[in-house]
Amino acid sequence: MAFTFLHQLPILIPMSQRLQVLLDESEFAEIRRIARRHHMTVAEWVRQALRAARRDEPAAEPRRKLAAVREAAQYAYPTADIDVMLAEIERGYLEGAP
């Protein structure tokens, strides 16, 4: 295996899974061009693109989130105008609440 950049060697050591993705020639050529523009290999560009896509995914399924919101909406929580709430919090800090 040839390394394009020496700084990639430590990155590859802990990796243990290989992913094969089949692309048509024009798509691969465009990805290669973009990777070169960013001074990285196609593999590194793809890894970074996949990481970014994972970050953009919600941590939980929307259905689970919605169920949690609906359950929480069944309860009565204390609410107030935001300025009133902030003033109460600040007063608690100043008075040294227990």
C-alpha atoms as a PDB file:
ATOM      1  CA  MET A   1       0.000   0.000   0.000  1.00  0.00           C
ATOM      2  CA  ALA A   2       1.392   3.393  -0.953  1.00  0.00           C
ATOM      3  CA  PHE A   3       0.654   6.431   1.180  1.00  0.00           C
ATOM      4  CA  THR A   4       0.047   9.726  -0.543  1.00  0.00           C
ATOM      5  CA  PHE A   5       0.657  11.696   2.630  1.00  0.00           C
ATOM      6  CA  LEU A   6       2.840  10.629   5.558  1.00  0.00           C
ATOM      7  CA  HIS A   7       0.359  12.073   8.076  1.00  0.00           C
ATOM      8  CA  GLN A   8      -2.154   9.419   6.943  1.00  0.00           C
ATOM      9  CA  LEU A   9      -0.166   6.506   8.357  1.00  0.00           C
ATOM     10  CA  PRO A  10      -1.346   6.965  12.000  1.00  0.00           C
ATOM     11  CA  ILE A  11      -4.939   7.288  10.785  1.00  0.00           C
ATOM     12  CA  LEU A  12      -4.891   3.957   8.968  1.00  0.00           C
ATOM     13  CA  ILE A  13      -3.431   1.863  11.777  1.00  0.00           C
ATOM     14  CA  PRO A  14      -6.574   1.745  14.005  1.00  0.00           C
ATOM     15  CA  MET A  15      -8.960   1.220  11.081  1.00  0.00           C
ATOM     16  CA  SER A  16     -10.157  -2.335  10.684  1.00  0.00           C
ATOM     17  CA  GLN A  17     -13.098  -2.303   8.264  1.00  0.00           C
ATOM     18  CA  ARG A  18     -13.038  -1.874   4.511  1.00  0.00           C
ATOM     19  CA  LEU A  19     -15.941  -0.479   2.500  1.00  0.00           C
ATOM     20  CA  GLN A  20     -16.246  -0.954  -1.230  1.00  0.00           C
ATOM     21  CA  VAL A  21     -18.392   1.535  -3.124  1.00  0.00           C
ATOM     22  CA  LEU A  22     -18.948   1.209  -6.853  1.00  0.00           C
ATOM     23  CA  LEU A  23     -19.175   4.510  -8.749  1.00  0.00           C
ATOM     24  CA  ASP A  24     -19.438   5.292 -12.424  1.00  0.00           C
ATOM     25  CA  GLU A  25     -16.340   6.821 -13.994  1.00  0.00           C
ATOM     26  CA  SER A  26     -17.630  10.384 -14.163  1.00  0.00           C
ATOM     27  CA  GLU A  27     -18.688  10.412 -10.518  1.00  0.00           C
ATOM     28  CA  PHE A  28     -15.359   8.964  -9.401  1.00  0.00           C
ATOM     29  CA  ALA A  29     -13.467  11.498 -11.538  1.00  0.00           C
ATOM     30  CA  GLU A  30     -15.382  14.350  -9.903  1.00  0.00           C
ATOM     31  CA  ILE A  31     -14.679  12.999  -6.411  1.00  0.00           C
ATOM     32  CA  ARG A  32     -10.995  12.578  -7.284  1.00  0.00           C
ATOM     33  CA  ARG A  33     -10.869  16.179  -8.562  1.00  0.00           C
ATOM     34  CA  ILE A  34     -12.466  17.489  -5.361  1.00  0.00           C
ATOM     35  CA  ALA A  35     -10.124  15.424  -3.189  1.00  0.00           C
ATOM     36  CA  ARG A  36      -7.066  16.730  -5.046  1.00  0.00           C
ATOM     37  CA  ARG A  37      -8.329  20.293  -4.627  1.00  0.00           C
ATOM     38  CA  HIS A  38      -8.373  19.663  -0.864  1.00  0.00           C
ATOM     39  CA  HIS A  39      -4.921  18.017  -0.995  1.00  0.00           C
ATOM     40  CA  MET A  40      -6.163  14.643   0.198  1.00  0.00           C
ATOM     41  CA  THR A  41      -6.650  11.172  -1.150  1.00  0.00           C
ATOM     42  CA  VAL A  42     -10.018  10.014  -2.398  1.00  0.00           C
ATOM     43  CA  ALA A  43     -10.201   7.628   0.573  1.00  0.00           C
ATOM     44  CA  GLU A  44      -9.639  10.417   3.098  1.00  0.00           C
ATOM     45  CA  TRP A  45     -12.135  12.688   1.351  1.00  0.00           C
ATOM     46  CA  VAL A  46     -14.740   9.914   1.418  1.00  0.00           C
ATOM     47  CA  ARG A  47     -14.057   9.223   5.129  1.00  0.00           C
ATOM     48  CA  GLN A  48     -14.524  12.906   5.938  1.00  0.00           C
ATOM     49  CA  ALA A  49     -17.697  13.104   3.832  1.00  0.00           C
ATOM     50  CA  LEU A  50     -19.139  10.069   5.629  1.00  0.00           C
ATOM     51  CA  ARG A  51     -18.260  11.538   9.037  1.00  0.00           C
ATOM     52  CA  ALA A  52     -19.983  14.802   8.086  1.00  0.00           C
ATOM     53  CA  ALA A  53     -23.060  12.892   6.913  1.00  0.00           C
ATOM     54  CA  ARG A  54     -23.176  10.985  10.226  1.00  0.00           C
ATOM     55  CA  ARG A  55     -22.921  14.231  12.201  1.00  0.00           C
ATOM     56  CA  ASP A  56     -25.893  15.612  10.277  1.00  0.00           C
ATOM     57  CA  GLU A  57     -28.043  12.606  11.176  1.00  0.00           C
ATOM     58  CA  PRO A  58     -30.225  12.959  14.283  1.00  0.00           C
ATOM     59  CA  ALA A  59     -28.972  11.009  17.293  1.00  0.00           C
ATOM     60  CA  ALA A  60     -32.335   9.307  17.742  1.00  0.00           C
ATOM     61  CA  GLU A  61     -35.118   8.351  15.402  1.00  0.00           C
ATOM     62  CA  PRO A  62     -37.595  11.198  14.851  1.00  0.00           C
ATOM     63  CA  ARG A  63     -40.368   8.850  16.025  1.00  0.00           C
ATOM     64  CA  ARG A  64     -38.617   8.328  19.382  1.00  0.00           C
ATOM     65  CA  LYS A  65     -37.999  12.046  19.793  1.00  0.00           C
ATOM     66  CA  LEU A  66     -41.628  12.827  19.029  1.00  0.00           C
ATOM     67  CA  ALA A  67     -42.780  10.205  21.549  1.00  0.00           C
ATOM     68  CA  ALA A  68     -40.564  11.782  24.223  1.00  0.00           C
ATOM     69  CA  VAL A  69     -41.961  15.248  23.491  1.00  0.00           C
ATOM     70  CA  ARG A  70     -45.546  13.960  23.602  1.00  0.00           C
ATOM     71  CA  GLU A  71     -44.902  12.211  26.929  1.00  0.00           C
ATOM     72  CA  ALA A  72     -43.301  15.322  28.407  1.00  0.00           C
ATOM     73  CA  ALA A  73     -46.215  17.463  27.204  1.00  0.00           C
ATOM     74  CA  GLN A  74     -48.555  15.469  29.465  1.00  0.00           C
ATOM     75  CA  TYR A  75     -46.993  17.014  32.571  1.00  0.00           C
ATOM     76  CA  ALA A  76     -47.340  20.515  33.967  1.00  0.00           C
ATOM     77  CA  TYR A  77     -43.954  22.171  34.273  1.00  0.00           C
ATOM     78  CA  PRO A  78     -43.455  25.570  35.882  1.00  0.00           C
ATOM     79  CA  THR A  79     -43.150  28.248  33.242  1.00  0.00           C
ATOM     80  CA  ALA A  80     -42.846  32.005  33.257  1.00  0.00           C
ATOM     81  CA  ASP A  81     -41.789  34.872  31.095  1.00  0.00           C
ATOM     82  CA  ILE A  82     -38.090  34.436  30.252  1.00  0.00           C
ATOM     83  CA  ASP A  83     -37.157  37.732  31.928  1.00  0.00           C
ATOM     84  CA  VAL A  84     -38.942  36.658  35.136  1.00  0.00           C
ATOM     85  CA  MET A  85     -37.228  33.258  35.081  1.00  0.00           C
ATOM     86  CA  LEU A  86     -33.786  34.796  34.547  1.00  0.00           C
ATOM     87  CA  ALA A  87     -34.385  37.296  37.372  1.00  0.00           C
ATOM     88  CA  GLU A  88     -35.398  34.440  39.710  1.00  0.00           C
ATOM     89  CA  ILE A  89     -32.283  32.468  38.786  1.00  0.00           C
ATOM     90  CA  GLU A  90     -30.064  35.483  39.335  1.00  0.00           C
ATOM     91  CA  ARG A  91     -31.737  36.215  42.695  1.00  0.00           C
ATOM     92  CA  GLY A  92     -31.078  32.613  43.721  1.00  0.00           C
ATOM     93  CA  TYR A  93     -27.394  32.992  42.899  1.00  0.00           C
ATOM     94  CA  LEU A  94     -27.131  36.254  44.809  1.00  0.00           C
ATOM     95  CA  GLU A  95     -28.976  34.946  47.858  1.00  0.00           C
ATOM     96  CA  GLY A  96     -26.890  31.787  47.973  1.00  0.00           C
ATOM     97  CA  ALA A  97     -29.689  29.266  47.569  1.00  0.00           C
ATOM     98  CA  PRO A  98     -29.138  26.011  49.529  1.00  0.00           C
END
